[in-house]
Each structure stands twice: as structure tokens, then as C-alpha cells.
Amino acid sequence: MTSDHAATSDHAADLGHDPADIDKHVRVYITVFVALLVLTLVTVAISYLDLSVPIAVTVALFVATIKGGLVAGYFMHLISEKKLIIAVLALTVVFFVALMALPVMTQSNGYWIHE
């Protein structure tokens, strides 16, 4: 096993990657994976609680947002992107929230609907 690890380390060194740096990245990926597993278990546990539907959906969306942020940030490498991409993503989130809020605002007994 050490000869395989040594060969991998030699190959990484030839590419200019420090084995300690690679180990650090792998540790981060494993930590994020474990966090995603825990959050999935939290989501399943929440589904068994006796919560009203709006509260259950709100909590589930909150957990899903955290999980989506972890996936986008670490597995899609957006955690180290430039500020322009972050600004575009933030603008997308703003428009998404506005589109999700639109039916809520128009639902309350026709308050926003004038016929």
C-alpha cells in the first residue's frame, strides 16, 4: 500500500502539487460530504416531527439552502471564484426570491389583485 501511495505522491509532486496540500483538499471534501449526510438526516428527522406544513416546508427549504450552498461552494468550486461571479449569483438569488414571493403577495385575499 505504501508503494501505491508513494507513486501517487511522486506523480503529484511531478505535477507541482504538494501531497500535504492534496490531503488538505481531500479532508475538506470529506468534511463537506459528512456535513451533507448529517443535513440529510436532519431533513429526514424533521419530516417525522409533527410540524404544520408551512413550518415544515420553511425548515426543509432552509436545510436545503445550506446543502445547496455547500455543494455549490465546495464541489462546484464557487467558494474561490471572483467577485463578478458572486455578484451574478447574488442577483440570481434576489430574482428567485422575488419570483417566489410574488404568489405569496397575490394570495392574501386578493390584496394585490384589483379586478
C-alpha atoms as a PDB file:
ATOM      1  CA  MET A   1       0.000   0.000   0.000  1.00  0.00           C
ATOM      2  CA  THR A   2       2.849   2.376   0.717  1.00  0.00           C
ATOM      3  CA  SER A   3       4.308   1.843  -2.748  1.00  0.00           C
ATOM      4  CA  ASP A   4       0.983   2.912  -4.330  1.00  0.00           C
ATOM      5  CA  HIS A   5       0.798   5.948  -2.065  1.00  0.00           C
ATOM      6  CA  ALA A   6       4.432   6.783  -2.823  1.00  0.00           C
ATOM      7  CA  ALA A   7       3.758   6.506  -6.563  1.00  0.00           C
ATOM      8  CA  THR A   8       0.741   8.774  -6.226  1.00  0.00           C
ATOM      9  CA  SER A   9       2.747  11.249  -4.172  1.00  0.00           C
ATOM     10  CA  ASP A  10       5.575  11.184  -6.729  1.00  0.00           C
ATOM     11  CA  HIS A  11       3.085  11.810  -9.529  1.00  0.00           C
ATOM     12  CA  ALA A  12       1.544  14.704  -7.580  1.00  0.00           C
ATOM     13  CA  ALA A  13       4.989  16.145  -6.926  1.00  0.00           C
ATOM     14  CA  ASP A  14       5.779  15.923 -10.658  1.00  0.00           C
ATOM     15  CA  LEU A  15       2.659  17.993 -11.372  1.00  0.00           C
ATOM     16  CA  GLY A  16       3.719  20.622  -8.853  1.00  0.00           C
ATOM     17  CA  HIS A  17       1.170  19.665  -6.184  1.00  0.00           C
ATOM     18  CA  ASP A  18       2.282  19.233  -2.621  1.00  0.00           C
ATOM     19  CA  PRO A  19       0.935  15.970  -1.121  1.00  0.00           C
ATOM     20  CA  ALA A  20       0.067  17.814   2.090  1.00  0.00           C
ATOM     21  CA  ASP A  21      -1.979  20.297   0.047  1.00  0.00           C
ATOM     22  CA  ILE A  22      -3.819  17.460  -1.685  1.00  0.00           C
ATOM     23  CA  ASP A  23      -4.511  15.800   1.673  1.00  0.00           C
ATOM     24  CA  LYS A  24      -5.922  19.112   2.949  1.00  0.00           C
ATOM     25  CA  HIS A  25      -8.308  19.351  -0.025  1.00  0.00           C
ATOM     26  CA  VAL A  26      -9.430  15.754   0.384  1.00  0.00           C
ATOM     27  CA  ARG A  27     -10.070  16.395   4.081  1.00  0.00           C
ATOM     28  CA  VAL A  28     -12.242  19.407   3.177  1.00  0.00           C
ATOM     29  CA  TYR A  29     -14.245  17.335   0.661  1.00  0.00           C
ATOM     30  CA  ILE A  30     -14.784  14.574   3.207  1.00  0.00           C
ATOM     31  CA  THR A  31     -15.886  17.128   5.823  1.00  0.00           C
ATOM     32  CA  VAL A  32     -18.395  18.651   3.402  1.00  0.00           C
ATOM     33  CA  PHE A  33     -19.647  15.177   2.473  1.00  0.00           C
ATOM     34  CA  VAL A  34     -20.188  14.304   6.137  1.00  0.00           C
ATOM     35  CA  ALA A  35     -21.979  17.630   6.672  1.00  0.00           C
ATOM     36  CA  LEU A  36     -24.271  16.829   3.728  1.00  0.00           C
ATOM     37  CA  LEU A  37     -25.017  13.413   5.215  1.00  0.00           C
ATOM     38  CA  VAL A  38     -25.837  14.943   8.590  1.00  0.00           C
ATOM     39  CA  LEU A  39     -28.074  17.570   6.998  1.00  0.00           C
ATOM     40  CA  THR A  40     -29.866  14.844   5.045  1.00  0.00           C
ATOM     41  CA  LEU A  41     -30.507  13.009   8.309  1.00  0.00           C
ATOM     42  CA  VAL A  42     -31.769  16.289   9.798  1.00  0.00           C
ATOM     43  CA  THR A  43     -34.164  16.676   6.868  1.00  0.00           C
ATOM     44  CA  VAL A  44     -35.485  13.141   7.350  1.00  0.00           C
ATOM     45  CA  ALA A  45     -35.819  13.694  11.111  1.00  0.00           C
ATOM     46  CA  ILE A  46     -37.750  16.912  10.522  1.00  0.00           C
ATOM     47  CA  SER A  47     -40.178  15.050   8.280  1.00  0.00           C
ATOM     48  CA  TYR A  48     -41.122  12.838  11.235  1.00  0.00           C
ATOM     49  CA  LEU A  49     -41.834  15.790  13.539  1.00  0.00           C
ATOM     50  CA  ASP A  50     -45.423  16.942  13.984  1.00  0.00           C
ATOM     51  CA  LEU A  51     -44.999  20.373  12.413  1.00  0.00           C
ATOM     52  CA  SER A  52     -47.526  22.381  10.489  1.00  0.00           C
ATOM     53  CA  VAL A  53     -46.982  22.322   6.739  1.00  0.00           C
ATOM     54  CA  PRO A  54     -45.729  25.930   6.381  1.00  0.00           C
ATOM     55  CA  ILE A  55     -43.197  25.492   9.190  1.00  0.00           C
ATOM     56  CA  ALA A  56     -42.063  22.095   7.885  1.00  0.00           C
ATOM     57  CA  VAL A  57     -41.590  23.494   4.373  1.00  0.00           C
ATOM     58  CA  THR A  58     -39.716  26.518   5.720  1.00  0.00           C
ATOM     59  CA  VAL A  59     -37.343  24.377   7.773  1.00  0.00           C
ATOM     60  CA  ALA A  60     -36.842  21.926   4.887  1.00  0.00           C
ATOM     61  CA  LEU A  61     -36.052  24.787   2.482  1.00  0.00           C
ATOM     62  CA  PHE A  62     -33.629  26.272   4.996  1.00  0.00           C
ATOM     63  CA  VAL A  63     -31.754  22.969   5.306  1.00  0.00           C
ATOM     64  CA  ALA A  64     -31.846  22.510   1.514  1.00  0.00           C
ATOM     65  CA  THR A  65     -30.401  26.002   1.048  1.00  0.00           C
ATOM     66  CA  ILE A  66     -27.499  25.171   3.347  1.00  0.00           C
ATOM     67  CA  LYS A  67     -26.898  21.895   1.491  1.00  0.00           C
ATOM     68  CA  GLY A  68     -27.070  23.657  -1.874  1.00  0.00           C
ATOM     69  CA  GLY A  69     -24.602  26.251  -0.652  1.00  0.00           C
ATOM     70  CA  LEU A  70     -22.175  23.552   0.428  1.00  0.00           C
ATOM     71  CA  VAL A  71     -22.443  21.759  -2.916  1.00  0.00           C
ATOM     72  CA  ALA A  72     -22.079  24.964  -4.938  1.00  0.00           C
ATOM     73  CA  GLY A  73     -19.309  26.329  -2.779  1.00  0.00           C
ATOM     74  CA  TYR A  74     -17.069  23.304  -2.486  1.00  0.00           C
ATOM     75  CA  PHE A  75     -17.927  20.711  -5.129  1.00  0.00           C
ATOM     76  CA  MET A  76     -18.549  23.312  -7.859  1.00  0.00           C
ATOM     77  CA  HIS A  77     -15.551  25.366  -6.618  1.00  0.00           C
ATOM     78  CA  LEU A  78     -17.528  28.604  -6.263  1.00  0.00           C
ATOM     79  CA  ILE A  79     -16.030  29.312  -2.840  1.00  0.00           C
ATOM     80  CA  SER A  80     -12.918  30.742  -4.506  1.00  0.00           C
ATOM     81  CA  GLU A  81     -14.496  32.458  -7.509  1.00  0.00           C
ATOM     82  CA  LYS A  82     -14.084  36.072  -8.485  1.00  0.00           C
ATOM     83  CA  LYS A  83     -16.389  38.787  -7.217  1.00  0.00           C
ATOM     84  CA  LEU A  84     -18.235  39.202 -10.538  1.00  0.00           C
ATOM     85  CA  ILE A  85     -19.480  35.617 -10.480  1.00  0.00           C
ATOM     86  CA  ILE A  86     -20.536  36.026  -6.847  1.00  0.00           C
ATOM     87  CA  ALA A  87     -22.441  39.207  -7.778  1.00  0.00           C
ATOM     88  CA  VAL A  88     -24.224  37.434 -10.641  1.00  0.00           C
ATOM     89  CA  LEU A  89     -25.170  34.576  -8.332  1.00  0.00           C
ATOM     90  CA  ALA A  90     -26.438  37.036  -5.711  1.00  0.00           C
ATOM     91  CA  LEU A  91     -28.552  38.800  -8.336  1.00  0.00           C
ATOM     92  CA  THR A  92     -29.977  35.431  -9.367  1.00  0.00           C
ATOM     93  CA  VAL A  93     -30.921  34.712  -5.754  1.00  0.00           C
ATOM     94  CA  VAL A  94     -32.613  38.119  -5.469  1.00  0.00           C
ATOM     95  CA  PHE A  95     -34.710  37.470  -8.577  1.00  0.00           C
ATOM     96  CA  PHE A  96     -35.527  33.951  -7.383  1.00  0.00           C
ATOM     97  CA  VAL A  97     -36.743  35.239  -4.018  1.00  0.00           C
ATOM     98  CA  ALA A  98     -38.797  37.937  -5.761  1.00  0.00           C
ATOM     99  CA  LEU A  99     -40.435  35.367  -8.041  1.00  0.00           C
ATOM    100  CA  MET A 100     -41.174  33.081  -5.092  1.00  0.00           C
ATOM    101  CA  ALA A 101     -42.628  35.994  -3.097  1.00  0.00           C
ATOM    102  CA  LEU A 102     -44.905  37.145  -5.924  1.00  0.00           C
ATOM    103  CA  PRO A 103     -47.540  34.396  -5.474  1.00  0.00           C
ATOM    104  CA  VAL A 104     -47.451  34.887  -1.705  1.00  0.00           C
ATOM    105  CA  MET A 105     -48.178  38.584  -2.060  1.00  0.00           C
ATOM    106  CA  THR A 106     -51.032  37.966  -4.509  1.00  0.00           C
ATOM    107  CA  GLN A 107     -52.579  35.149  -2.471  1.00  0.00           C
ATOM    108  CA  SER A 108     -53.749  37.076   0.597  1.00  0.00           C
ATOM    109  CA  ASN A 109     -57.447  37.524  -0.282  1.00  0.00           C
ATOM    110  CA  GLY A 110     -56.727  39.451  -3.448  1.00  0.00           C
ATOM    111  CA  TYR A 111     -54.980  42.299  -1.607  1.00  0.00           C
ATOM    112  CA  TRP A 112     -52.712  42.967  -4.574  1.00  0.00           C
ATOM    113  CA  ILE A 113     -55.209  41.928  -7.229  1.00  0.00           C
ATOM    114  CA  HIS A 114     -57.556  44.688  -8.373  1.00  0.00           C
ATOM    115  CA  GLU A 115     -60.264  43.495 -10.706  1.00  0.00           C
END
